[in-house]
Amino acid sequence: MQTTSPALAGDVDRALDLRRHLRAAADPRSITDDAVRIYCASIGKDDHRMEAALLRQAPTVIDVDALVDSLIAGVAAEPPRGGLDRILPNRRWARVKRLYWARLRDYLSWRAR
């Protein structure tokens, strides 16, 4: 019977903990005004209310699991395309999804620090 090394098991545990942390941070109920106010101040944005609304809406527009997976993998990916987007690209909808993806990605990256 082959066992995994303790270092590998530790890496897996850290990745799973990070995934749980990021997934919880992306939950709209956990995106508080205070957290977004601090986030906005740290990146130089003025309107934390607008940013909070955008961040809370993001999980309804994008695949949060795919975003979290890309953050853990260290890949600066764009939102995955699926369904009719492949056949009949809607540029406006694609831009909207990229906006939500980028904003939530940046917020989650900040929360992971």
C-alpha atoms as a PDB file:
ATOM      1  CA  MET A   1       0.000   0.000   0.000  1.00  0.00           C
ATOM      2  CA  GLN A   2       1.393   3.349  -1.032  1.00  0.00           C
ATOM      3  CA  THR A   3       0.947   6.363   1.216  1.00  0.00           C
ATOM      4  CA  THR A   4       1.211  10.030   0.359  1.00  0.00           C
ATOM      5  CA  SER A   5       4.043  12.059   1.735  1.00  0.00           C
ATOM      6  CA  PRO A   6       3.275  14.372   4.678  1.00  0.00           C
ATOM      7  CA  ALA A   7       4.328  17.375   2.582  1.00  0.00           C
ATOM      8  CA  LEU A   8       1.871  16.477  -0.176  1.00  0.00           C
ATOM      9  CA  ALA A   9      -0.905  15.866   2.333  1.00  0.00           C
ATOM     10  CA  GLY A  10      -0.164  19.279   3.880  1.00  0.00           C
ATOM     11  CA  ASP A  11      -0.328  20.958   0.459  1.00  0.00           C
ATOM     12  CA  VAL A  12      -3.665  19.318  -0.255  1.00  0.00           C
ATOM     13  CA  ASP A  13      -5.025  20.358   3.139  1.00  0.00           C
ATOM     14  CA  ARG A  14      -3.869  23.964   2.579  1.00  0.00           C
ATOM     15  CA  ALA A  15      -5.454  24.031  -0.882  1.00  0.00           C
ATOM     16  CA  LEU A  16      -8.730  22.672   0.491  1.00  0.00           C
ATOM     17  CA  ASP A  17      -8.707  25.188   3.347  1.00  0.00           C
ATOM     18  CA  LEU A  18      -8.029  28.019   0.899  1.00  0.00           C
ATOM     19  CA  ARG A  19     -10.832  26.783  -1.361  1.00  0.00           C
ATOM     20  CA  ARG A  20     -13.288  26.735   1.571  1.00  0.00           C
ATOM     21  CA  HIS A  21     -12.137  30.203   2.673  1.00  0.00           C
ATOM     22  CA  LEU A  22     -12.502  31.707  -0.817  1.00  0.00           C
ATOM     23  CA  ARG A  23     -15.843  30.011  -1.440  1.00  0.00           C
ATOM     24  CA  ALA A  24     -17.157  31.379   1.873  1.00  0.00           C
ATOM     25  CA  ALA A  25     -15.773  34.848   1.064  1.00  0.00           C
ATOM     26  CA  ALA A  26     -17.639  34.813  -2.259  1.00  0.00           C
ATOM     27  CA  ASP A  27     -20.974  34.167  -0.551  1.00  0.00           C
ATOM     28  CA  PRO A  28     -23.002  37.387  -0.911  1.00  0.00           C
ATOM     29  CA  ARG A  29     -23.997  37.187   2.778  1.00  0.00           C
ATOM     30  CA  SER A  30     -20.331  37.379   3.807  1.00  0.00           C
ATOM     31  CA  ILE A  31     -19.562  40.430   1.664  1.00  0.00           C
ATOM     32  CA  THR A  32     -20.133  43.043   4.342  1.00  0.00           C
ATOM     33  CA  ASP A  33     -20.102  46.786   3.912  1.00  0.00           C
ATOM     34  CA  ASP A  34     -17.194  47.086   6.350  1.00  0.00           C
ATOM     35  CA  ALA A  35     -15.067  44.513   4.482  1.00  0.00           C
ATOM     36  CA  VAL A  36     -15.791  46.180   1.135  1.00  0.00           C
ATOM     37  CA  ARG A  37     -15.069  49.627   2.600  1.00  0.00           C
ATOM     38  CA  ILE A  38     -11.627  48.417   3.758  1.00  0.00           C
ATOM     39  CA  TYR A  39     -11.039  46.690   0.403  1.00  0.00           C
ATOM     40  CA  CYS A  40     -11.961  49.831  -1.539  1.00  0.00           C
ATOM     41  CA  ALA A  41      -9.710  51.988   0.639  1.00  0.00           C
ATOM     42  CA  SER A  42      -6.815  49.594   0.057  1.00  0.00           C
ATOM     43  CA  ILE A  43      -7.145  49.758  -3.728  1.00  0.00           C
ATOM     44  CA  GLY A  44      -8.109  53.438  -3.991  1.00  0.00           C
ATOM     45  CA  LYS A  45     -11.764  53.137  -4.988  1.00  0.00           C
ATOM     46  CA  ASP A  46     -14.287  55.685  -3.758  1.00  0.00           C
ATOM     47  CA  ASP A  47     -17.733  54.100  -3.965  1.00  0.00           C
ATOM     48  CA  HIS A  48     -17.767  51.096  -1.656  1.00  0.00           C
ATOM     49  CA  ARG A  49     -21.560  50.792  -1.882  1.00  0.00           C
ATOM     50  CA  MET A  50     -21.462  50.306  -5.644  1.00  0.00           C
ATOM     51  CA  GLU A  51     -18.567  47.862  -5.321  1.00  0.00           C
ATOM     52  CA  ALA A  52     -20.431  45.893  -2.621  1.00  0.00           C
ATOM     53  CA  ALA A  53     -23.511  45.656  -4.833  1.00  0.00           C
ATOM     54  CA  LEU A  54     -21.393  44.439  -7.744  1.00  0.00           C
ATOM     55  CA  LEU A  55     -19.573  41.872  -5.604  1.00  0.00           C
ATOM     56  CA  ARG A  56     -22.825  40.560  -4.123  1.00  0.00           C
ATOM     57  CA  GLN A  57     -24.350  40.174  -7.573  1.00  0.00           C
ATOM     58  CA  ALA A  58     -21.303  38.453  -9.112  1.00  0.00           C
ATOM     59  CA  PRO A  59     -22.130  34.891  -7.930  1.00  0.00           C
ATOM     60  CA  THR A  60     -25.405  35.029  -9.876  1.00  0.00           C
ATOM     61  CA  VAL A  61     -23.570  35.892 -13.094  1.00  0.00           C
ATOM     62  CA  ILE A  62     -20.385  33.818 -13.011  1.00  0.00           C
ATOM     63  CA  ASP A  63     -19.316  30.338 -11.941  1.00  0.00           C
ATOM     64  CA  VAL A  64     -17.746  30.975  -8.544  1.00  0.00           C
ATOM     65  CA  ASP A  65     -16.343  27.451  -8.311  1.00  0.00           C
ATOM     66  CA  ALA A  66     -14.449  27.948 -11.591  1.00  0.00           C
ATOM     67  CA  LEU A  67     -13.170  31.303 -10.332  1.00  0.00           C
ATOM     68  CA  VAL A  68     -11.984  29.823  -7.023  1.00  0.00           C
ATOM     69  CA  ASP A  69     -10.327  26.917  -8.855  1.00  0.00           C
ATOM     70  CA  SER A  70      -8.465  29.343 -11.124  1.00  0.00           C
ATOM     71  CA  LEU A  71      -7.314  31.390  -8.124  1.00  0.00           C
ATOM     72  CA  ILE A  72      -6.019  28.308  -6.332  1.00  0.00           C
ATOM     73  CA  ALA A  73      -4.257  27.118  -9.478  1.00  0.00           C
ATOM     74  CA  GLY A  74      -2.703  30.558  -9.879  1.00  0.00           C
ATOM     75  CA  VAL A  75      -4.184  30.988 -13.329  1.00  0.00           C
ATOM     76  CA  ALA A  76      -5.394  34.424 -14.389  1.00  0.00           C
ATOM     77  CA  ALA A  77      -8.251  32.925 -16.356  1.00  0.00           C
ATOM     78  CA  GLU A  78     -11.305  34.554 -17.807  1.00  0.00           C
ATOM     79  CA  PRO A  79     -14.795  33.249 -17.208  1.00  0.00           C
ATOM     80  CA  PRO A  80     -15.431  29.947 -18.980  1.00  0.00           C
ATOM     81  CA  ARG A  81     -17.610  30.180 -22.042  1.00  0.00           C
ATOM     82  CA  GLY A  82     -20.447  27.784 -22.371  1.00  0.00           C
ATOM     83  CA  GLY A  83     -23.733  27.096 -24.060  1.00  0.00           C
ATOM     84  CA  LEU A  84     -24.827  29.508 -26.738  1.00  0.00           C
ATOM     85  CA  ASP A  85     -21.861  31.824 -26.057  1.00  0.00           C
ATOM     86  CA  ARG A  86     -19.764  29.466 -28.164  1.00  0.00           C
ATOM     87  CA  ILE A  87     -22.186  29.471 -31.068  1.00  0.00           C
ATOM     88  CA  LEU A  88     -23.585  32.988 -30.968  1.00  0.00           C
ATOM     89  CA  PRO A  89     -21.194  35.182 -29.007  1.00  0.00           C
ATOM     90  CA  ASN A  90     -22.897  38.095 -27.330  1.00  0.00           C
ATOM     91  CA  ARG A  91     -20.136  40.609 -26.796  1.00  0.00           C
ATOM     92  CA  ARG A  92     -22.053  42.710 -24.294  1.00  0.00           C
ATOM     93  CA  TRP A  93     -22.875  39.697 -22.099  1.00  0.00           C
ATOM     94  CA  ALA A  94     -19.269  38.499 -22.360  1.00  0.00           C
ATOM     95  CA  ARG A  95     -18.032  41.928 -21.184  1.00  0.00           C
ATOM     96  CA  VAL A  96     -20.465  41.870 -18.261  1.00  0.00           C
ATOM     97  CA  LYS A  97     -19.280  38.415 -17.217  1.00  0.00           C
ATOM     98  CA  ARG A  98     -15.627  39.498 -17.488  1.00  0.00           C
ATOM     99  CA  LEU A  99     -16.369  42.563 -15.330  1.00  0.00           C
ATOM    100  CA  TYR A 100     -17.991  40.494 -12.575  1.00  0.00           C
ATOM    101  CA  TRP A 101     -15.275  37.834 -12.863  1.00  0.00           C
ATOM    102  CA  ALA A 102     -12.446  40.385 -12.584  1.00  0.00           C
ATOM    103  CA  ARG A 103     -13.991  42.292  -9.689  1.00  0.00           C
ATOM    104  CA  LEU A 104     -14.764  39.182  -7.650  1.00  0.00           C
ATOM    105  CA  ARG A 105     -11.350  37.700  -8.528  1.00  0.00           C
ATOM    106  CA  ASP A 106      -9.603  40.827  -7.243  1.00  0.00           C
ATOM    107  CA  TYR A 107     -11.725  40.909  -4.084  1.00  0.00           C
ATOM    108  CA  LEU A 108     -11.113  37.219  -3.338  1.00  0.00           C
ATOM    109  CA  SER A 109      -7.386  37.636  -3.985  1.00  0.00           C
ATOM    110  CA  TRP A 110      -7.375  40.496  -1.499  1.00  0.00           C
ATOM    111  CA  ARG A 111      -9.308  38.401   1.042  1.00  0.00           C
ATOM    112  CA  ALA A 112      -6.840  35.523   0.642  1.00  0.00           C
ATOM    113  CA  ARG A 113      -3.895  37.659   1.793  1.00  0.00           C
END
